[in-house]
Amino acid sequence: SDNPEDWENAVHSCRRLLQSVADKLIPPTEDRRITLESGKEKTIQMGKDKYINRLIYYIETKSSSERFKELIGSDLTQIGERIDSVFQISQKGSHSSIKRDEADRYVIHTFLLLGDILSL
């Protein structure tokens, strides 16, 4: 499409898709306290709007490869935060002026990430 509104809608669809997968794999719940390898405790927010945290938690509990966890977790955090910022801007009534190539990257990265997550 040559319509910028369609590009923004594609990015919103990526967000909804990530949220839906998170809801299915790790449904929203109360925050969790975990003990890190260093012995320190950490609280992970696991509420409805914390879908990125829940997906990272899923990756950490399902993968035995530290490198896989680091790569996928980093990619997920980056793309999730970018998608969320586009969503928040549009919620305020502003147009994010997302470019077509940018929307294409969000869609491609989202599907690649979901492929990696679902392979666990």
PDB file of N, CA and C in Angstrom:
ATOM      1  N   SER A   1       0.832  -1.177   0.000  1.00  0.00           N
ATOM      2  CA  SER A   1       0.000   0.000   0.000  1.00  0.00           C
ATOM      3  C   SER A   1       0.882   1.248   0.000  1.00  0.00           C
ATOM      4  N   ASP A   2       0.367   2.272  -0.568  1.00  0.00           N
ATOM      5  CA  ASP A   2       1.061   3.558  -0.542  1.00  0.00           C
ATOM      6  C   ASP A   2       0.477   4.493   0.519  1.00  0.00           C
ATOM      7  N   ASN A   3      -0.404   3.978   1.349  1.00  0.00           N
ATOM      8  CA  ASN A   3      -1.093   4.772   2.351  1.00  0.00           C
ATOM      9  C   ASN A   3      -0.374   4.665   3.703  1.00  0.00           C
ATOM     10  N   PRO A   4       0.162   5.778   4.231  1.00  0.00           N
ATOM     11  CA  PRO A   4       0.860   5.749   5.524  1.00  0.00           C
ATOM     12  C   PRO A   4       0.004   5.215   6.673  1.00  0.00           C
ATOM     13  N   GLU A   5      -1.300   5.390   6.597  1.00  0.00           N
ATOM     14  CA  GLU A   5      -2.175   4.859   7.643  1.00  0.00           C
ATOM     15  C   GLU A   5      -2.133   3.330   7.660  1.00  0.00           C
ATOM     16  N   ASP A   6      -2.023   2.720   6.492  1.00  0.00           N
ATOM     17  CA  ASP A   6      -1.897   1.257   6.416  1.00  0.00           C
ATOM     18  C   ASP A   6      -0.593   0.791   7.058  1.00  0.00           C
ATOM     19  N   TRP A   7       0.459   1.560   6.886  1.00  0.00           N
ATOM     20  CA  TRP A   7       1.758   1.189   7.469  1.00  0.00           C
ATOM     21  C   TRP A   7       1.674   1.224   8.987  1.00  0.00           C
ATOM     22  N   GLU A   8       1.009   2.264   9.509  1.00  0.00           N
ATOM     23  CA  GLU A   8       0.847   2.364  10.958  1.00  0.00           C
ATOM     24  C   GLU A   8      -0.026   1.220  11.474  1.00  0.00           C
ATOM     25  N   ASN A   9      -1.072   0.882  10.730  1.00  0.00           N
ATOM     26  CA  ASN A   9      -1.930  -0.242  11.124  1.00  0.00           C
ATOM     27  C   ASN A   9      -1.165  -1.558  11.137  1.00  0.00           C
ATOM     28  N   ALA A  10      -0.232  -1.722  10.220  1.00  0.00           N
ATOM     29  CA  ALA A  10       0.589  -2.940  10.196  1.00  0.00           C
ATOM     30  C   ALA A  10       1.427  -3.047  11.466  1.00  0.00           C
ATOM     31  N   VAL A  11       1.979  -1.923  11.907  1.00  0.00           N
ATOM     32  CA  VAL A  11       2.777  -1.920  13.136  1.00  0.00           C
ATOM     33  C   VAL A  11       1.890  -2.234  14.339  1.00  0.00           C
ATOM     34  N   HIS A  12       0.685  -1.677  14.370  1.00  0.00           N
ATOM     35  CA  HIS A  12      -0.244  -1.979  15.463  1.00  0.00           C
ATOM     36  C   HIS A  12      -0.616  -3.462  15.461  1.00  0.00           C
ATOM     37  N   SER A  13      -0.730  -4.042  14.288  1.00  0.00           N
ATOM     38  CA  SER A  13      -1.029  -5.470  14.191  1.00  0.00           C
ATOM     39  C   SER A  13       0.116  -6.299  14.762  1.00  0.00           C
ATOM     40  N   CYS A  14       1.336  -5.846  14.556  1.00  0.00           N
ATOM     41  CA  CYS A  14       2.490  -6.548  15.136  1.00  0.00           C
ATOM     42  C   CYS A  14       2.400  -6.537  16.662  1.00  0.00           C
ATOM     43  N   ARG A  15       2.030  -5.403  17.207  1.00  0.00           N
ATOM     44  CA  ARG A  15       1.892  -5.281  18.663  1.00  0.00           C
ATOM     45  C   ARG A  15       0.813  -6.231  19.176  1.00  0.00           C
ATOM     46  N   ARG A  16      -0.330  -6.218  18.502  1.00  0.00           N
ATOM     47  CA  ARG A  16      -1.430  -7.105  18.920  1.00  0.00           C
ATOM     48  C   ARG A  16      -1.028  -8.578  18.795  1.00  0.00           C
ATOM     49  N   LEU A  17      -0.278  -8.894  17.772  1.00  0.00           N
ATOM     50  CA  LEU A  17       0.173 -10.272  17.585  1.00  0.00           C
ATOM     51  C   LEU A  17       1.113 -10.694  18.712  1.00  0.00           C
ATOM     52  N   LEU A  18       2.077  -9.847  19.046  1.00  0.00           N
ATOM     53  CA  LEU A  18       2.983 -10.152  20.155  1.00  0.00           C
ATOM     54  C   LEU A  18       2.215 -10.286  21.468  1.00  0.00           C
ATOM     55  N   GLN A  19       1.244  -9.411  21.685  1.00  0.00           N
ATOM     56  CA  GLN A  19       0.426  -9.492  22.899  1.00  0.00           C
ATOM     57  C   GLN A  19      -0.362 -10.799  22.945  1.00  0.00           C
ATOM     58  N   SER A  20      -0.941 -11.183  21.824  1.00  0.00           N
ATOM     59  CA  SER A  20      -1.736 -12.414  21.779  1.00  0.00           C
ATOM     60  C   SER A  20      -0.878 -13.640  22.051  1.00  0.00           C
ATOM     61  N   VAL A  21       0.297 -13.675  21.476  1.00  0.00           N
ATOM     62  CA  VAL A  21       1.202 -14.806  21.712  1.00  0.00           C
ATOM     63  C   VAL A  21       1.620 -14.830  23.184  1.00  0.00           C
ATOM     64  N   ALA A  22       1.940 -13.677  23.738  1.00  0.00           N
ATOM     65  CA  ALA A  22       2.309 -13.614  25.157  1.00  0.00           C
ATOM     66  C   ALA A  22       1.158 -14.092  26.035  1.00  0.00           C
ATOM     67  N   ASP A  23      -0.066 -13.651  25.716  1.00  0.00           N
ATOM     68  CA  ASP A  23      -1.230 -14.065  26.498  1.00  0.00           C
ATOM     69  C   ASP A  23      -1.430 -15.573  26.455  1.00  0.00           C
ATOM     70  N   LYS A  24      -1.126 -16.179  25.332  1.00  0.00           N
ATOM     71  CA  LYS A  24      -1.295 -17.628  25.187  1.00  0.00           C
ATOM     72  C   LYS A  24      -0.177 -18.403  25.904  1.00  0.00           C
ATOM     73  N   LEU A  25       1.069 -17.953  25.724  1.00  0.00           N
ATOM     74  CA  LEU A  25       2.215 -18.681  26.291  1.00  0.00           C
ATOM     75  C   LEU A  25       2.382 -18.443  27.790  1.00  0.00           C
ATOM     76  N   ILE A  26       2.260 -17.201  28.209  1.00  0.00           N
ATOM     77  CA  ILE A  26       2.405 -16.816  29.618  1.00  0.00           C
ATOM     78  C   ILE A  26       1.295 -15.809  29.923  1.00  0.00           C
ATOM     79  N   PRO A  27       0.123 -16.290  30.312  1.00  0.00           N
ATOM     80  CA  PRO A  27      -0.985 -15.374  30.588  1.00  0.00           C
ATOM     81  C   PRO A  27      -0.603 -14.353  31.671  1.00  0.00           C
ATOM     82  N   PRO A  28      -1.224 -13.187  31.617  1.00  0.00           N
ATOM     83  CA  PRO A  28      -0.948 -12.171  32.640  1.00  0.00           C
ATOM     84  C   PRO A  28      -1.183 -12.736  34.035  1.00  0.00           C
ATOM     85  N   THR A  29      -0.329 -12.346  34.939  1.00  0.00           N
ATOM     86  CA  THR A  29      -0.410 -12.826  36.312  1.00  0.00           C
ATOM     87  C   THR A  29       0.193 -11.782  37.233  1.00  0.00           C
ATOM     88  N   GLU A  30       0.259 -12.108  38.492  1.00  0.00           N
ATOM     89  CA  GLU A  30       0.915 -11.210  39.438  1.00  0.00           C
ATOM     90  C   GLU A  30       2.414 -11.188  39.152  1.00  0.00           C
ATOM     91  N   ASP A  31       3.053 -10.115  39.583  1.00  0.00           N
ATOM     92  CA  ASP A  31       4.502 -10.007  39.401  1.00  0.00           C
ATOM     93  C   ASP A  31       5.202 -11.188  40.056  1.00  0.00           C
ATOM     94  N   ARG A  32       6.339 -11.568  39.488  1.00  0.00           N
ATOM     95  CA  ARG A  32       7.095 -12.715  40.007  1.00  0.00           C
ATOM     96  C   ARG A  32       8.439 -12.263  40.538  1.00  0.00           C
ATOM     97  N   ARG A  33       8.820 -12.848  41.660  1.00  0.00           N
ATOM     98  CA  ARG A  33      10.150 -12.606  42.229  1.00  0.00           C
ATOM     99  C   ARG A  33      11.024 -13.774  41.830  1.00  0.00           C
ATOM    100  N   ILE A  34      12.168 -13.467  41.258  1.00  0.00           N
ATOM    101  CA  ILE A  34      13.104 -14.524  40.876  1.00  0.00           C
ATOM    102  C   ILE A  34      14.453 -14.222  41.506  1.00  0.00           C
ATOM    103  N   THR A  35      15.252 -15.269  41.664  1.00  0.00           N
ATOM    104  CA  THR A  35      16.600 -15.119  42.176  1.00  0.00           C
ATOM    105  C   THR A  35      17.567 -15.276  41.015  1.00  0.00           C
ATOM    106  N   LEU A  36      18.378 -14.264  40.797  1.00  0.00           N
ATOM    107  CA  LEU A  36      19.369 -14.295  39.725  1.00  0.00           C
ATOM    108  C   LEU A  36      20.551 -15.169  40.135  1.00  0.00           C
ATOM    109  N   GLU A  37      21.374 -15.522  39.161  1.00  0.00           N
ATOM    110  CA  GLU A  37      22.554 -16.340  39.445  1.00  0.00           C
ATOM    111  C   GLU A  37      23.468 -15.674  40.463  1.00  0.00           C
ATOM    112  N   SER A  38      23.467 -14.363  40.500  1.00  0.00           N
ATOM    113  CA  SER A  38      24.302 -13.615  41.447  1.00  0.00           C
ATOM    114  C   SER A  38      23.769 -13.708  42.874  1.00  0.00           C
ATOM    115  N   GLY A  39      22.561 -14.237  43.026  1.00  0.00           N
ATOM    116  CA  GLY A  39      21.945 -14.346  44.332  1.00  0.00           C
ATOM    117  C   GLY A  39      20.993 -13.210  44.643  1.00  0.00           C
ATOM    118  N   LYS A  40      21.011 -12.172  43.824  1.00  0.00           N
ATOM    119  CA  LYS A  40      20.100 -11.054  44.028  1.00  0.00           C
ATOM    120  C   LYS A  40      18.700 -11.436  43.562  1.00  0.00           C
ATOM    121  N   GLU A  41      17.715 -10.817  44.219  1.00  0.00           N
ATOM    122  CA  GLU A  41      16.333 -11.046  43.813  1.00  0.00           C
ATOM    123  C   GLU A  41      15.874  -9.931  42.899  1.00  0.00           C
ATOM    124  N   LYS A  42      14.966 -10.281  41.988  1.00  0.00           N
ATOM    125  CA  LYS A  42      14.450  -9.328  41.018  1.00  0.00           C
ATOM    126  C   LYS A  42      12.959  -9.579  40.846  1.00  0.00           C
ATOM    127  N   THR A  43      12.193  -8.509  40.694  1.00  0.00           N
ATOM    128  CA  THR A  43      10.759  -8.623  40.435  1.00  0.00           C
ATOM    129  C   THR A  43      10.519  -8.405  38.952  1.00  0.00           C
ATOM    130  N   ILE A  44       9.767  -9.311  38.354  1.00  0.00           N
ATOM    131  CA  ILE A  44       9.395  -9.189  36.947  1.00  0.00           C
ATOM    132  C   ILE A  44       7.909  -8.858  36.889  1.00  0.00           C
ATOM    133  N   GLN A  45       7.591  -7.731  36.257  1.00  0.00           N
ATOM    134  CA  GLN A  45       6.195  -7.346  36.110  1.00  0.00           C
ATOM    135  C   GLN A  45       5.556  -8.220  35.038  1.00  0.00           C
ATOM    136  N   MET A  46       4.436  -8.854  35.382  1.00  0.00           N
ATOM    137  CA  MET A  46       3.806  -9.838  34.506  1.00  0.00           C
ATOM    138  C   MET A  46       2.358  -9.492  34.182  1.00  0.00           C
ATOM    139  N   GLY A  47       1.988  -8.223  34.308  1.00  0.00           N
ATOM    140  CA  GLY A  47       0.620  -7.788  34.047  1.00  0.00           C
ATOM    141  C   GLY A  47       0.264  -7.810  32.571  1.00  0.00           C
ATOM    142  N   LYS A  48      -0.972  -7.488  32.276  1.00  0.00           N
ATOM    143  CA  LYS A  48      -1.514  -7.523  30.916  1.00  0.00           C
ATOM    144  C   LYS A  48      -0.694  -6.676  29.943  1.00  0.00           C
ATOM    145  N   ASP A  49      -0.306  -5.485  30.345  1.00  0.00           N
ATOM    146  CA  ASP A  49       0.429  -4.602  29.450  1.00  0.00           C
ATOM    147  C   ASP A  49       1.925  -4.900  29.398  1.00  0.00           C
ATOM    148  N   LYS A  50       2.395  -5.856  30.168  1.00  0.00           N
ATOM    149  CA  LYS A  50       3.816  -6.210  30.223  1.00  0.00           C
ATOM    150  C   LYS A  50       4.105  -7.450  29.366  1.00  0.00           C
ATOM    151  N   TYR A  51       3.593  -7.451  28.154  1.00  0.00           N
ATOM    152  CA  TYR A  51       3.724  -8.612  27.277  1.00  0.00           C
ATOM    153  C   TYR A  51       5.179  -8.895  26.903  1.00  0.00           C
ATOM    154  N   ILE A  52       5.998  -7.863  26.789  1.00  0.00           N
ATOM    155  CA  ILE A  52       7.413  -8.090  26.461  1.00  0.00           C
ATOM    156  C   ILE A  52       8.089  -8.826  27.610  1.00  0.00           C
ATOM    157  N   ASN A  53       7.851  -8.394  28.845  1.00  0.00           N
ATOM    158  CA  ASN A  53       8.408  -9.078  30.016  1.00  0.00           C
ATOM    159  C   ASN A  53       7.987 -10.543  30.045  1.00  0.00           C
ATOM    160  N   ARG A  54       6.705 -10.777  29.743  1.00  0.00           N
ATOM    161  CA  ARG A  54       6.204 -12.151  29.788  1.00  0.00           C
ATOM    162  C   ARG A  54       6.845 -13.016  28.713  1.00  0.00           C
ATOM    163  N   LEU A  55       7.051 -12.443  27.521  1.00  0.00           N
ATOM    164  CA  LEU A  55       7.705 -13.218  26.460  1.00  0.00           C
ATOM    165  C   LEU A  55       9.177 -13.484  26.802  1.00  0.00           C
ATOM    166  N   ILE A  56       9.849 -12.504  27.376  1.00  0.00           N
ATOM    167  CA  ILE A  56      11.241 -12.722  27.784  1.00  0.00           C
ATOM    168  C   ILE A  56      11.301 -13.792  28.869  1.00  0.00           C
ATOM    169  N   TYR A  57      10.379 -13.750  29.807  1.00  0.00           N
ATOM    170  CA  TYR A  57      10.320 -14.771  30.850  1.00  0.00           C
ATOM    171  C   TYR A  57      10.114 -16.154  30.224  1.00  0.00           C
ATOM    172  N   TYR A  58       9.242 -16.228  29.249  1.00  0.00           N
ATOM    173  CA  TYR A  58       9.012 -17.494  28.548  1.00  0.00           C
ATOM    174  C   TYR A  58      10.301 -18.002  27.902  1.00  0.00           C
ATOM    175  N   ILE A  59      11.004 -17.122  27.218  1.00  0.00           N
ATOM    176  CA  ILE A  59      12.261 -17.494  26.561  1.00  0.00           C
ATOM    177  C   ILE A  59      13.264 -17.998  27.592  1.00  0.00           C
ATOM    178  N   GLU A  60      13.374 -17.277  28.702  1.00  0.00           N
ATOM    179  CA  GLU A  60      14.347 -17.647  29.735  1.00  0.00           C
ATOM    180  C   GLU A  60      14.023 -18.988  30.384  1.00  0.00           C
ATOM    181  N   THR A  61      12.741 -19.331  30.472  1.00  0.00           N
ATOM    182  CA  THR A  61      12.377 -20.595  31.111  1.00  0.00           C
ATOM    183  C   THR A  61      12.380 -21.771  30.140  1.00  0.00           C
ATOM    184  N   LYS A  62      12.331 -21.491  28.838  1.00  0.00           N
ATOM    185  CA  LYS A  62      12.254 -22.577  27.858  1.00  0.00           C
ATOM    186  C   LYS A  62      13.565 -22.879  27.147  1.00  0.00           C
ATOM    187  N   SER A  63      14.483 -21.934  27.107  1.00  0.00           N
ATOM    188  CA  SER A  63      15.721 -22.136  26.359  1.00  0.00           C
ATOM    189  C   SER A  63      16.869 -22.467  27.303  1.00  0.00           C
ATOM    190  N   SER A  64      17.685 -23.417  26.894  1.00  0.00           N
ATOM    191  CA  SER A  64      18.866 -23.760  27.683  1.00  0.00           C
ATOM    192  C   SER A  64      20.105 -23.027  27.174  1.00  0.00           C
ATOM    193  N   SER A  65      19.980 -22.353  26.055  1.00  0.00           N
ATOM    194  CA  SER A  65      21.106 -21.639  25.458  1.00  0.00           C
ATOM    195  C   SER A  65      21.132 -20.190  25.936  1.00  0.00           C
ATOM    196  N   GLU A  66      22.184 -19.836  26.670  1.00  0.00           N
ATOM    197  CA  GLU A  66      22.320 -18.466  27.150  1.00  0.00           C
ATOM    198  C   GLU A  66      22.425 -17.484  25.985  1.00  0.00           C
ATOM    199  N   ARG A  67      23.141 -17.863  24.950  1.00  0.00           N
ATOM    200  CA  ARG A  67      23.307 -16.971  23.793  1.00  0.00           C
ATOM    201  C   ARG A  67      21.967 -16.718  23.104  1.00  0.00           C
ATOM    202  N   PHE A  68      21.149 -17.763  22.963  1.00  0.00           N
ATOM    203  CA  PHE A  68      19.822 -17.629  22.360  1.00  0.00           C
ATOM    204  C   PHE A  68      18.975 -16.670  23.192  1.00  0.00           C
ATOM    205  N   LYS A  69      19.008 -16.850  24.512  1.00  0.00           N
ATOM    206  CA  LYS A  69      18.237 -15.979  25.399  1.00  0.00           C
ATOM    207  C   LYS A  69      18.662 -14.522  25.229  1.00  0.00           C
ATOM    208  N   GLU A  70      19.960 -14.291  25.181  1.00  0.00           N
ATOM    209  CA  GLU A  70      20.478 -12.923  25.046  1.00  0.00           C
ATOM    210  C   GLU A  70      20.055 -12.302  23.722  1.00  0.00           C
ATOM    211  N   LEU A  71      20.238 -13.036  22.638  1.00  0.00           N
ATOM    212  CA  LEU A  71      19.914 -12.496  21.317  1.00  0.00           C
ATOM    213  C   LEU A  71      18.435 -12.228  21.142  1.00  0.00           C
ATOM    214  N   ILE A  72      17.624 -13.223  21.429  1.00  0.00           N
ATOM    215  CA  ILE A  72      16.189 -13.080  21.227  1.00  0.00           C
ATOM    216  C   ILE A  72      15.597 -12.091  22.224  1.00  0.00           C
ATOM    217  N   GLY A  73      16.048 -12.138  23.458  1.00  0.00           N
ATOM    218  CA  GLY A  73      15.562 -11.186  24.454  1.00  0.00           C
ATOM    219  C   GLY A  73      15.894  -9.752  24.079  1.00  0.00           C
ATOM    220  N   SER A  74      17.096  -9.542  23.580  1.00  0.00           N
ATOM    221  CA  SER A  74      17.511  -8.208  23.155  1.00  0.00           C
ATOM    222  C   SER A  74      16.694  -7.729  21.964  1.00  0.00           C
ATOM    223  N   ASP A  75      16.521  -8.596  20.971  1.00  0.00           N
ATOM    224  CA  ASP A  75      15.714  -8.247  19.799  1.00  0.00           C
ATOM    225  C   ASP A  75      14.275  -7.941  20.202  1.00  0.00           C
ATOM    226  N   LEU A  76      13.725  -8.767  21.070  1.00  0.00           N
ATOM    227  CA  LEU A  76      12.341  -8.589  21.506  1.00  0.00           C
ATOM    228  C   LEU A  76      12.167  -7.273  22.249  1.00  0.00           C
ATOM    229  N   THR A  77      13.100  -6.963  23.130  1.00  0.00           N
ATOM    230  CA  THR A  77      13.023  -5.703  23.874  1.00  0.00           C
ATOM    231  C   THR A  77      13.082  -4.517  22.930  1.00  0.00           C
ATOM    232  N   GLN A  78      14.001  -4.558  21.996  1.00  0.00           N
ATOM    233  CA  GLN A  78      14.166  -3.440  21.065  1.00  0.00           C
ATOM    234  C   GLN A  78      12.935  -3.253  20.176  1.00  0.00           C
ATOM    235  N   ILE A  79      12.487  -4.309  19.536  1.00  0.00           N
ATOM    236  CA  ILE A  79      11.355  -4.178  18.621  1.00  0.00           C
ATOM    237  C   ILE A  79      10.074  -3.874  19.406  1.00  0.00           C
ATOM    238  N   GLY A  80       9.916  -4.481  20.574  1.00  0.00           N
ATOM    239  CA  GLY A  80       8.735  -4.232  21.393  1.00  0.00           C
ATOM    240  C   GLY A  80       8.637  -2.780  21.833  1.00  0.00           C
ATOM    241  N   GLU A  81       9.756  -2.214  22.258  1.00  0.00           N
ATOM    242  CA  GLU A  81       9.754  -0.818  22.692  1.00  0.00           C
ATOM    243  C   GLU A  81       9.465   0.119  21.522  1.00  0.00           C
ATOM    244  N   ARG A  82      10.002  -0.184  20.362  1.00  0.00           N
ATOM    245  CA  ARG A  82       9.751   0.650  19.187  1.00  0.00           C
ATOM    246  C   ARG A  82       8.283   0.575  18.772  1.00  0.00           C
ATOM    247  N   ILE A  83       7.733  -0.629  18.762  1.00  0.00           N
ATOM    248  CA  ILE A  83       6.322  -0.802  18.409  1.00  0.00           C
ATOM    249  C   ILE A  83       5.433  -0.093  19.432  1.00  0.00           C
ATOM    250  N   ASP A  84       5.770  -0.226  20.712  1.00  0.00           N
ATOM    251  CA  ASP A  84       4.989   0.445  21.750  1.00  0.00           C
ATOM    252  C   ASP A  84       5.027   1.964  21.594  1.00  0.00           C
ATOM    253  N   SER A  85       6.174   2.511  21.216  1.00  0.00           N
ATOM    254  CA  SER A  85       6.259   3.972  21.068  1.00  0.00           C
ATOM    255  C   SER A  85       5.380   4.448  19.918  1.00  0.00           C
ATOM    256  N   VAL A  86       5.332   3.689  18.812  1.00  0.00           N
ATOM    257  CA  VAL A  86       4.444   4.042  17.704  1.00  0.00           C
ATOM    258  C   VAL A  86       2.994   3.991  18.181  1.00  0.00           C
ATOM    259  N   PHE A  87       2.663   2.967  18.947  1.00  0.00           N
ATOM    260  CA  PHE A  87       1.300   2.820  19.466  1.00  0.00           C
ATOM    261  C   PHE A  87       0.929   3.981  20.391  1.00  0.00           C
ATOM    262  N   GLN A  88       1.817   4.337  21.308  1.00  0.00           N
ATOM    263  CA  GLN A  88       1.537   5.408  22.259  1.00  0.00           C
ATOM    264  C   GLN A  88       1.356   6.750  21.561  1.00  0.00           C
ATOM    265  N   ILE A  89       2.151   7.013  20.553  1.00  0.00           N
ATOM    266  CA  ILE A  89       2.011   8.259  19.800  1.00  0.00           C
ATOM    267  C   ILE A  89       0.644   8.316  19.132  1.00  0.00           C
ATOM    268  N   SER A  90       0.228   7.205  18.534  1.00  0.00           N
ATOM    269  CA  SER A  90      -1.066   7.197  17.839  1.00  0.00           C
ATOM    270  C   SER A  90      -2.224   7.309  18.821  1.00  0.00           C
ATOM    271  N   GLN A  91      -2.067   6.807  20.048  1.00  0.00           N
ATOM    272  CA  GLN A  91      -3.117   6.901  21.058  1.00  0.00           C
ATOM    273  C   GLN A  91      -3.346   8.352  21.483  1.00  0.00           C
ATOM    274  N   LYS A  92      -2.332   9.177  21.353  1.00  0.00           N
ATOM    275  CA  LYS A  92      -2.443  10.585  21.725  1.00  0.00           C
ATOM    276  C   LYS A  92      -3.063  11.410  20.607  1.00  0.00           C
ATOM    277  N   GLY A  93      -3.427  10.743  19.518  1.00  0.00           N
ATOM    278  CA  GLY A  93      -4.055  11.439  18.405  1.00  0.00           C
ATOM    279  C   GLY A  93      -3.071  11.978  17.396  1.00  0.00           C
ATOM    280  N   SER A  94      -1.797  11.737  17.615  1.00  0.00           N
ATOM    281  CA  SER A  94      -0.780  12.194  16.671  1.00  0.00           C
ATOM    282  C   SER A  94      -0.497  11.073  15.682  1.00  0.00           C
ATOM    283  N   HIS A  95      -0.041  11.449  14.541  1.00  0.00           N
ATOM    284  CA  HIS A  95       0.398  10.441  13.590  1.00  0.00           C
ATOM    285  C   HIS A  95       1.892  10.271  13.744  1.00  0.00           C
ATOM    286  N   SER A  96       2.324   9.045  13.763  1.00  0.00           N
ATOM    287  CA  SER A  96       3.727   8.770  14.047  1.00  0.00           C
ATOM    288  C   SER A  96       4.627   9.019  12.855  1.00  0.00           C
ATOM    289  N   SER A  97       4.044   9.276  11.695  1.00  0.00           N
ATOM    290  CA  SER A  97       4.801   9.467  10.453  1.00  0.00           C
ATOM    291  C   SER A  97       5.785   8.326  10.220  1.00  0.00           C
ATOM    292  N   ILE A  98       5.274   7.121  10.388  1.00  0.00           N
ATOM    293  CA  ILE A  98       6.093   5.938  10.150  1.00  0.00           C
ATOM    294  C   ILE A  98       6.291   5.779   8.644  1.00  0.00           C
ATOM    295  N   LYS A  99       7.480   5.405   8.275  1.00  0.00           N
ATOM    296  CA  LYS A  99       7.795   5.228   6.862  1.00  0.00           C
ATOM    297  C   LYS A  99       7.531   3.779   6.458  1.00  0.00           C
ATOM    298  N   ARG A 100       7.316   3.592   5.172  1.00  0.00           N
ATOM    299  CA  ARG A 100       6.980   2.264   4.670  1.00  0.00           C
ATOM    300  C   ARG A 100       8.080   1.247   4.963  1.00  0.00           C
ATOM    301  N   ASP A 101       9.338   1.604   4.725  1.00  0.00           N
ATOM    302  CA  ASP A 101      10.429   0.660   4.969  1.00  0.00           C
ATOM    303  C   ASP A 101      10.558   0.327   6.450  1.00  0.00           C
ATOM    304  N   GLU A 102      10.222   1.297   7.304  1.00  0.00           N
ATOM    305  CA  GLU A 102      10.235   1.075   8.742  1.00  0.00           C
ATOM    306  C   GLU A 102       9.148   0.064   9.126  1.00  0.00           C
ATOM    307  N   ALA A 103       7.952   0.254   8.595  1.00  0.00           N
ATOM    308  CA  ALA A 103       6.849  -0.679   8.863  1.00  0.00           C
ATOM    309  C   ALA A 103       7.196  -2.070   8.355  1.00  0.00           C
ATOM    310  N   ASP A 104       7.819  -2.147   7.180  1.00  0.00           N
ATOM    311  CA  ASP A 104       8.240  -3.442   6.643  1.00  0.00           C
ATOM    312  C   ASP A 104       9.185  -4.153   7.607  1.00  0.00           C
ATOM    313  N   ARG A 105      10.133  -3.401   8.163  1.00  0.00           N
ATOM    314  CA  ARG A 105      11.092  -3.998   9.105  1.00  0.00           C
ATOM    315  C   ARG A 105      10.394  -4.499  10.364  1.00  0.00           C
ATOM    316  N   TYR A 106       9.436  -3.708  10.886  1.00  0.00           N
ATOM    317  CA  TYR A 106       8.701  -4.148  12.074  1.00  0.00           C
ATOM    318  C   TYR A 106       7.989  -5.468  11.810  1.00  0.00           C
ATOM    319  N   VAL A 107       7.339  -5.568  10.673  1.00  0.00           N
ATOM    320  CA  VAL A 107       6.597  -6.783  10.338  1.00  0.00           C
ATOM    321  C   VAL A 107       7.559  -7.964  10.203  1.00  0.00           C
ATOM    322  N   ILE A 108       8.633  -7.785   9.469  1.00  0.00           N
ATOM    323  CA  ILE A 108       9.606  -8.865   9.266  1.00  0.00           C
ATOM    324  C   ILE A 108      10.227  -9.291  10.593  1.00  0.00           C
ATOM    325  N   HIS A 109      10.675  -8.330  11.394  1.00  0.00           N
ATOM    326  CA  HIS A 109      11.295  -8.663  12.678  1.00  0.00           C
ATOM    327  C   HIS A 109      10.308  -9.346  13.617  1.00  0.00           C
ATOM    328  N   THR A 110       9.072  -8.889  13.607  1.00  0.00           N
ATOM    329  CA  THR A 110       8.067  -9.510  14.468  1.00  0.00           C
ATOM    330  C   THR A 110       7.881 -10.976  14.112  1.00  0.00           C
ATOM    331  N   PHE A 111       7.766 -11.269  12.839  1.00  0.00           N
ATOM    332  CA  PHE A 111       7.554 -12.664  12.436  1.00  0.00           C
ATOM    333  C   PHE A 111       8.792 -13.521  12.685  1.00  0.00           C
ATOM    334  N   LEU A 112       9.978 -12.972  12.491  1.00  0.00           N
ATOM    335  CA  LEU A 112      11.197 -13.718  12.797  1.00  0.00           C
ATOM    336  C   LEU A 112      11.295 -14.004  14.294  1.00  0.00           C
ATOM    337  N   LEU A 113      11.008 -12.998  15.111  1.00  0.00           N
ATOM    338  CA  LEU A 113      11.019 -13.190  16.567  1.00  0.00           C
ATOM    339  C   LEU A 113      10.014 -14.250  16.997  1.00  0.00           C
ATOM    340  N   LEU A 114       8.804 -14.160  16.452  1.00  0.00           N
ATOM    341  CA  LEU A 114       7.793 -15.139  16.832  1.00  0.00           C
ATOM    342  C   LEU A 114       8.192 -16.541  16.397  1.00  0.00           C
ATOM    343  N   GLY A 115       8.835 -16.650  15.250  1.00  0.00           N
ATOM    344  CA  GLY A 115       9.338 -17.961  14.822  1.00  0.00           C
ATOM    345  C   GLY A 115      10.343 -18.527  15.806  1.00  0.00           C
ATOM    346  N   ASP A 116      11.267 -17.675  16.269  1.00  0.00           N
ATOM    347  CA  ASP A 116      12.266 -18.110  17.251  1.00  0.00           C
ATOM    348  C   ASP A 116      11.599 -18.501  18.577  1.00  0.00           C
ATOM    349  N   ILE A 117      10.661 -17.697  19.043  1.00  0.00           N
ATOM    350  CA  ILE A 117      10.000 -17.963  20.310  1.00  0.00           C
ATOM    351  C   ILE A 117       9.192 -19.263  20.229  1.00  0.00           C
ATOM    352  N   LEU A 118       8.460 -19.431  19.148  1.00  0.00           N
ATOM    353  CA  LEU A 118       7.610 -20.623  19.027  1.00  0.00           C
ATOM    354  C   LEU A 118       8.406 -21.886  18.757  1.00  0.00           C
ATOM    355  N   SER A 119       9.672 -21.739  18.356  1.00  0.00           N
ATOM    356  CA  SER A 119      10.511 -22.924  18.143  1.00  0.00           C
ATOM    357  C   SER A 119      10.942 -23.555  19.466  1.00  0.00           C
ATOM    358  N   LEU A 120      10.753 -22.821  20.554  1.00  0.00           N
ATOM    359  CA  LEU A 120      11.109 -23.356  21.868  1.00  0.00           C
ATOM    360  C   LEU A 120      10.080 -24.375  22.259  1.00  0.00           C
TER     361      LEU A 120
END
